[in-house]
Amino acid sequence: MGERLRGKVALITGAGKGIGREAAVLFAREGAHVVAADIDGAAATETVARAEAEGGAALAAVGDVAVEADVERMIAEGARRFGGLSILYNNAGVLWKDRDRSVLETDGQWW
């Protein structure tokens, strides 16, 4: 197991598959505690199993990054379990066709 991220706690959104899953496993391999956040609980749990197989500590946090209360809960779960957060890897994306707008037109509530 690597040491580059030892003592760090990383919340990774979209960690249930693809790039998010691979990032979670790599972060765990490098010593980070990982909060694997995804809308799909089974996929997040599989990511946790893979991260733990690399010798890391991980937690599955289920929620939708488009729902502010879910995001707040996922952050709180990770902070409670691991004592804080030091890295946020925003991998999950949100797209609403009826709300398509430029970044300059986007207010804080939409984010």
N, C-alpha and C. Protein backbone atom coordinates (compact mmCIF):
# COMPACT_ATOMS: atom_id res chain seq x y z
N MET A 1 0.84 -1.17 0.00
CA MET A 1 0.00 0.00 0.00
C MET A 1 0.89 1.24 0.00
N GLY A 2 0.48 2.25 -0.76
CA GLY A 2 1.24 3.49 -0.85
C GLY A 2 1.04 4.38 0.35
N GLU A 3 1.79 5.46 0.37
CA GLU A 3 1.76 6.37 1.51
C GLU A 3 1.36 7.79 1.12
N ARG A 4 1.24 8.10 -0.17
CA ARG A 4 1.03 9.49 -0.58
C ARG A 4 -0.21 10.14 0.02
N LEU A 5 -1.25 9.36 0.28
CA LEU A 5 -2.50 9.92 0.80
C LEU A 5 -2.81 9.46 2.23
N ARG A 6 -1.81 8.91 2.91
CA ARG A 6 -2.02 8.44 4.28
C ARG A 6 -2.50 9.60 5.15
N GLY A 7 -3.56 9.34 5.94
CA GLY A 7 -4.11 10.35 6.82
C GLY A 7 -5.13 11.26 6.17
N LYS A 8 -5.34 11.11 4.88
CA LYS A 8 -6.33 11.92 4.16
C LYS A 8 -7.65 11.16 4.08
N VAL A 9 -8.73 11.92 4.00
CA VAL A 9 -10.07 11.36 3.82
C VAL A 9 -10.63 11.95 2.53
N ALA A 10 -10.97 11.09 1.58
CA ALA A 10 -11.46 11.53 0.28
C ALA A 10 -12.90 11.11 0.06
N LEU A 11 -13.75 12.08 -0.26
CA LEU A 11 -15.12 11.79 -0.69
C LEU A 11 -15.11 11.84 -2.21
N ILE A 12 -15.47 10.74 -2.84
CA ILE A 12 -15.46 10.64 -4.29
C ILE A 12 -16.88 10.39 -4.76
N THR A 13 -17.44 11.35 -5.53
CA THR A 13 -18.79 11.18 -6.06
C THR A 13 -18.73 10.37 -7.35
N GLY A 14 -19.81 9.67 -7.64
CA GLY A 14 -19.84 8.82 -8.82
C GLY A 14 -18.87 7.66 -8.70
N ALA A 15 -18.66 7.19 -7.47
CA ALA A 15 -17.66 6.16 -7.19
C ALA A 15 -18.16 4.74 -7.45
N GLY A 16 -19.37 4.60 -7.94
CA GLY A 16 -19.94 3.27 -8.14
C GLY A 16 -19.44 2.53 -9.36
N LYS A 17 -18.82 3.25 -10.29
CA LYS A 17 -18.33 2.59 -11.51
C LYS A 17 -17.36 3.51 -12.24
N GLY A 18 -16.75 2.98 -13.26
CA GLY A 18 -15.91 3.76 -14.15
C GLY A 18 -14.77 4.50 -13.47
N ILE A 19 -14.57 5.76 -13.90
CA ILE A 19 -13.48 6.57 -13.38
C ILE A 19 -13.59 6.76 -11.88
N GLY A 20 -14.81 6.99 -11.38
CA GLY A 20 -14.99 7.18 -9.94
C GLY A 20 -14.57 5.97 -9.13
N ARG A 21 -14.94 4.78 -9.61
CA ARG A 21 -14.53 3.55 -8.90
C ARG A 21 -13.02 3.39 -8.93
N GLU A 22 -12.43 3.58 -10.08
CA GLU A 22 -10.98 3.42 -10.19
C GLU A 22 -10.24 4.44 -9.33
N ALA A 23 -10.77 5.68 -9.26
CA ALA A 23 -10.16 6.69 -8.39
C ALA A 23 -10.25 6.27 -6.93
N ALA A 24 -11.40 5.74 -6.52
CA ALA A 24 -11.58 5.30 -5.14
C ALA A 24 -10.59 4.20 -4.78
N VAL A 25 -10.43 3.24 -5.66
CA VAL A 25 -9.49 2.14 -5.41
C VAL A 25 -8.05 2.66 -5.36
N LEU A 26 -7.71 3.56 -6.27
CA LEU A 26 -6.36 4.12 -6.28
C LEU A 26 -6.09 4.95 -5.02
N PHE A 27 -7.05 5.77 -4.62
CA PHE A 27 -6.89 6.57 -3.40
C PHE A 27 -6.68 5.65 -2.20
N ALA A 28 -7.46 4.58 -2.12
CA ALA A 28 -7.31 3.62 -1.02
C ALA A 28 -5.93 2.96 -1.07
N ARG A 29 -5.50 2.61 -2.26
CA ARG A 29 -4.18 1.99 -2.43
C ARG A 29 -3.07 2.93 -1.94
N GLU A 30 -3.30 4.23 -2.09
CA GLU A 30 -2.31 5.23 -1.68
C GLU A 30 -2.48 5.67 -0.23
N GLY A 31 -3.38 5.00 0.52
CA GLY A 31 -3.48 5.22 1.95
C GLY A 31 -4.63 6.08 2.43
N ALA A 32 -5.45 6.62 1.53
CA ALA A 32 -6.57 7.46 1.95
C ALA A 32 -7.73 6.62 2.48
N HIS A 33 -8.48 7.19 3.41
CA HIS A 33 -9.79 6.65 3.76
C HIS A 33 -10.74 7.19 2.70
N VAL A 34 -11.61 6.35 2.18
CA VAL A 34 -12.45 6.73 1.04
C VAL A 34 -13.93 6.67 1.40
N VAL A 35 -14.64 7.74 1.06
CA VAL A 35 -16.09 7.76 1.11
C VAL A 35 -16.53 7.60 -0.34
N ALA A 36 -17.02 6.41 -0.68
CA ALA A 36 -17.45 6.10 -2.05
C ALA A 36 -18.92 6.49 -2.19
N ALA A 37 -19.17 7.65 -2.77
CA ALA A 37 -20.53 8.18 -2.88
C ALA A 37 -21.10 7.89 -4.26
N ASP A 38 -22.31 7.36 -4.28
CA ASP A 38 -22.96 7.07 -5.56
C ASP A 38 -24.47 6.96 -5.34
N ILE A 39 -25.21 7.18 -6.39
CA ILE A 39 -26.67 7.06 -6.34
C ILE A 39 -27.09 5.59 -6.28
N ASP A 40 -26.21 4.71 -6.71
CA ASP A 40 -26.46 3.26 -6.72
C ASP A 40 -25.74 2.62 -5.53
N GLY A 41 -26.50 2.27 -4.51
CA GLY A 41 -25.93 1.72 -3.29
C GLY A 41 -25.15 0.44 -3.49
N ALA A 42 -25.66 -0.45 -4.34
CA ALA A 42 -24.96 -1.72 -4.59
C ALA A 42 -23.61 -1.47 -5.25
N ALA A 43 -23.57 -0.53 -6.18
CA ALA A 43 -22.32 -0.21 -6.87
C ALA A 43 -21.33 0.43 -5.90
N ALA A 44 -21.81 1.32 -5.03
CA ALA A 44 -20.93 1.95 -4.04
C ALA A 44 -20.36 0.90 -3.09
N THR A 45 -21.19 -0.06 -2.70
CA THR A 45 -20.74 -1.14 -1.81
C THR A 45 -19.68 -2.00 -2.48
N GLU A 46 -19.83 -2.26 -3.77
CA GLU A 46 -18.82 -3.02 -4.51
C GLU A 46 -17.50 -2.24 -4.56
N THR A 47 -17.59 -0.94 -4.74
CA THR A 47 -16.38 -0.11 -4.74
C THR A 47 -15.68 -0.18 -3.39
N VAL A 48 -16.45 -0.13 -2.31
CA VAL A 48 -15.89 -0.24 -0.96
C VAL A 48 -15.15 -1.57 -0.82
N ALA A 49 -15.74 -2.66 -1.28
CA ALA A 49 -15.09 -3.97 -1.20
C ALA A 49 -13.76 -3.96 -1.95
N ARG A 50 -13.74 -3.34 -3.11
CA ARG A 50 -12.49 -3.29 -3.89
C ARG A 50 -11.45 -2.41 -3.20
N ALA A 51 -11.89 -1.28 -2.63
CA ALA A 51 -10.96 -0.40 -1.92
C ALA A 51 -10.38 -1.10 -0.70
N GLU A 52 -11.22 -1.81 0.04
CA GLU A 52 -10.76 -2.53 1.22
C GLU A 52 -9.82 -3.67 0.84
N ALA A 53 -10.03 -4.28 -0.32
CA ALA A 53 -9.13 -5.33 -0.80
C ALA A 53 -7.73 -4.78 -1.06
N GLU A 54 -7.63 -3.48 -1.28
CA GLU A 54 -6.33 -2.83 -1.47
C GLU A 54 -5.71 -2.43 -0.14
N GLY A 55 -6.40 -2.76 0.96
CA GLY A 55 -5.88 -2.45 2.28
C GLY A 55 -6.37 -1.14 2.86
N GLY A 56 -7.28 -0.48 2.16
CA GLY A 56 -7.78 0.81 2.64
C GLY A 56 -9.06 0.67 3.45
N ALA A 57 -9.43 1.77 4.09
CA ALA A 57 -10.71 1.85 4.80
C ALA A 57 -11.66 2.65 3.94
N ALA A 58 -12.90 2.17 3.81
CA ALA A 58 -13.85 2.85 2.93
C ALA A 58 -15.26 2.74 3.49
N LEU A 59 -16.10 3.65 3.03
CA LEU A 59 -17.49 3.74 3.44
C LEU A 59 -18.33 4.02 2.21
N ALA A 60 -19.43 3.30 2.04
CA ALA A 60 -20.38 3.58 0.96
C ALA A 60 -21.36 4.63 1.45
N ALA A 61 -21.52 5.70 0.69
CA ALA A 61 -22.48 6.76 1.00
C ALA A 61 -23.41 6.87 -0.19
N VAL A 62 -24.68 6.58 0.03
CA VAL A 62 -25.65 6.56 -1.07
C VAL A 62 -26.40 7.88 -1.11
N GLY A 63 -26.45 8.48 -2.30
CA GLY A 63 -27.18 9.72 -2.46
C GLY A 63 -27.05 10.27 -3.86
N ASP A 64 -27.84 11.29 -4.13
CA ASP A 64 -27.89 11.96 -5.43
C ASP A 64 -27.22 13.32 -5.29
N VAL A 65 -26.16 13.57 -6.05
CA VAL A 65 -25.45 14.85 -5.93
C VAL A 65 -26.29 16.03 -6.38
N ALA A 66 -27.42 15.78 -7.01
CA ALA A 66 -28.33 16.85 -7.41
C ALA A 66 -29.27 17.26 -6.28
N VAL A 67 -29.21 16.54 -5.17
CA VAL A 67 -30.08 16.82 -4.02
C VAL A 67 -29.20 17.30 -2.87
N GLU A 68 -29.34 18.58 -2.52
CA GLU A 68 -28.48 19.19 -1.51
C GLU A 68 -28.47 18.42 -0.19
N ALA A 69 -29.62 17.97 0.27
CA ALA A 69 -29.69 17.23 1.54
C ALA A 69 -28.89 15.93 1.46
N ASP A 70 -28.91 15.26 0.31
CA ASP A 70 -28.11 14.04 0.14
C ASP A 70 -26.62 14.35 0.24
N VAL A 71 -26.21 15.44 -0.40
CA VAL A 71 -24.79 15.82 -0.37
C VAL A 71 -24.36 16.13 1.07
N GLU A 72 -25.18 16.90 1.78
CA GLU A 72 -24.86 17.22 3.17
C GLU A 72 -24.75 15.95 4.02
N ARG A 73 -25.65 15.00 3.80
CA ARG A 73 -25.63 13.75 4.55
C ARG A 73 -24.39 12.93 4.23
N MET A 74 -24.03 12.83 2.94
CA MET A 74 -22.85 12.06 2.56
C MET A 74 -21.58 12.65 3.18
N ILE A 75 -21.48 13.98 3.18
CA ILE A 75 -20.34 14.64 3.81
C ILE A 75 -20.31 14.34 5.30
N ALA A 76 -21.46 14.46 5.95
CA ALA A 76 -21.54 14.21 7.40
C ALA A 76 -21.18 12.77 7.74
N GLU A 77 -21.65 11.81 6.94
CA GLU A 77 -21.33 10.41 7.19
C GLU A 77 -19.83 10.17 7.12
N GLY A 78 -19.21 10.72 6.09
CA GLY A 78 -17.76 10.55 5.95
C GLY A 78 -16.98 11.21 7.07
N ALA A 79 -17.38 12.42 7.42
CA ALA A 79 -16.69 13.15 8.50
C ALA A 79 -16.86 12.44 9.84
N ARG A 80 -18.05 11.92 10.08
CA ARG A 80 -18.32 11.21 11.33
C ARG A 80 -17.48 9.92 11.41
N ARG A 81 -17.42 9.19 10.32
CA ARG A 81 -16.71 7.90 10.31
C ARG A 81 -15.20 8.07 10.38
N PHE A 82 -14.68 9.06 9.64
CA PHE A 82 -13.22 9.18 9.51
C PHE A 82 -12.64 10.43 10.16
N GLY A 83 -13.47 11.25 10.81
CA GLY A 83 -12.95 12.40 11.54
C GLY A 83 -12.77 13.67 10.74
N GLY A 84 -13.30 13.73 9.55
CA GLY A 84 -13.20 14.94 8.72
C GLY A 84 -13.08 14.57 7.26
N LEU A 85 -12.95 15.57 6.42
CA LEU A 85 -12.72 15.37 4.98
C LEU A 85 -11.56 16.26 4.56
N SER A 86 -10.69 15.75 3.72
CA SER A 86 -9.58 16.54 3.22
C SER A 86 -9.55 16.64 1.71
N ILE A 87 -10.23 15.73 1.02
CA ILE A 87 -10.24 15.72 -0.44
C ILE A 87 -11.67 15.52 -0.92
N LEU A 88 -12.08 16.33 -1.88
CA LEU A 88 -13.37 16.14 -2.54
C LEU A 88 -13.12 15.94 -4.02
N TYR A 89 -13.46 14.78 -4.54
CA TYR A 89 -13.26 14.43 -5.95
C TYR A 89 -14.65 14.43 -6.58
N ASN A 90 -14.97 15.51 -7.27
CA ASN A 90 -16.29 15.67 -7.89
C ASN A 90 -16.31 14.97 -9.25
N ASN A 91 -16.64 13.71 -9.24
CA ASN A 91 -16.67 12.90 -10.45
C ASN A 91 -18.07 12.80 -11.04
N ALA A 92 -19.10 12.78 -10.20
CA ALA A 92 -20.48 12.64 -10.69
C ALA A 92 -20.92 13.94 -11.35
N GLY A 93 -21.69 13.79 -12.40
CA GLY A 93 -22.22 14.96 -13.09
C GLY A 93 -23.73 15.02 -13.00
N VAL A 94 -24.24 16.22 -13.20
CA VAL A 94 -25.68 16.45 -13.19
C VAL A 94 -26.03 17.20 -14.46
N LEU A 95 -27.05 16.74 -15.15
CA LEU A 95 -27.51 17.42 -16.35
C LEU A 95 -29.02 17.41 -16.36
N TRP A 96 -29.57 18.60 -16.42
CA TRP A 96 -31.02 18.74 -16.55
C TRP A 96 -31.28 19.45 -17.86
N LYS A 97 -31.88 18.79 -18.80
CA LYS A 97 -32.12 19.38 -20.11
C LYS A 97 -32.97 20.64 -20.04
N ASP A 98 -33.94 20.67 -19.13
CA ASP A 98 -34.81 21.83 -19.04
C ASP A 98 -34.15 23.00 -18.32
N ARG A 99 -32.96 22.81 -17.79
CA ARG A 99 -32.27 23.87 -17.06
C ARG A 99 -30.91 24.19 -17.67
N ASP A 100 -30.72 23.83 -18.91
CA ASP A 100 -29.43 24.05 -19.56
C ASP A 100 -29.12 25.54 -19.60
N ARG A 101 -27.95 25.92 -19.11
CA ARG A 101 -27.54 27.32 -19.10
C ARG A 101 -26.02 27.38 -18.97
N SER A 102 -25.48 28.54 -19.22
CA SER A 102 -24.03 28.69 -19.09
C SER A 102 -23.65 28.79 -17.61
N VAL A 103 -22.39 28.59 -17.33
CA VAL A 103 -21.91 28.69 -15.96
C VAL A 103 -22.18 30.08 -15.39
N LEU A 104 -22.05 31.10 -16.21
CA LEU A 104 -22.27 32.47 -15.75
C LEU A 104 -23.72 32.74 -15.38
N GLU A 105 -24.64 31.96 -15.92
CA GLU A 105 -26.07 32.14 -15.63
C GLU A 105 -26.54 31.25 -14.48
N THR A 106 -25.66 30.46 -13.93
CA THR A 106 -26.03 29.48 -12.92
C THR A 106 -25.91 30.08 -11.52
N ASP A 107 -26.98 30.01 -10.75
CA ASP A 107 -26.95 30.53 -9.38
C ASP A 107 -26.56 29.42 -8.40
N GLY A 108 -26.28 29.81 -7.17
CA GLY A 108 -25.83 28.86 -6.14
C GLY A 108 -26.82 27.77 -5.84
N GLN A 109 -28.11 28.08 -5.89
CA GLN A 109 -29.12 27.07 -5.59
C GLN A 109 -29.09 25.94 -6.61
N TRP A 110 -28.84 26.25 -7.87
CA TRP A 110 -28.80 25.21 -8.90
C TRP A 110 -27.62 24.27 -8.67
N TRP A 111 -26.49 24.82 -8.25
CA TRP A 111 -25.31 24.00 -8.02
C TRP A 111 -25.56 23.05 -6.90
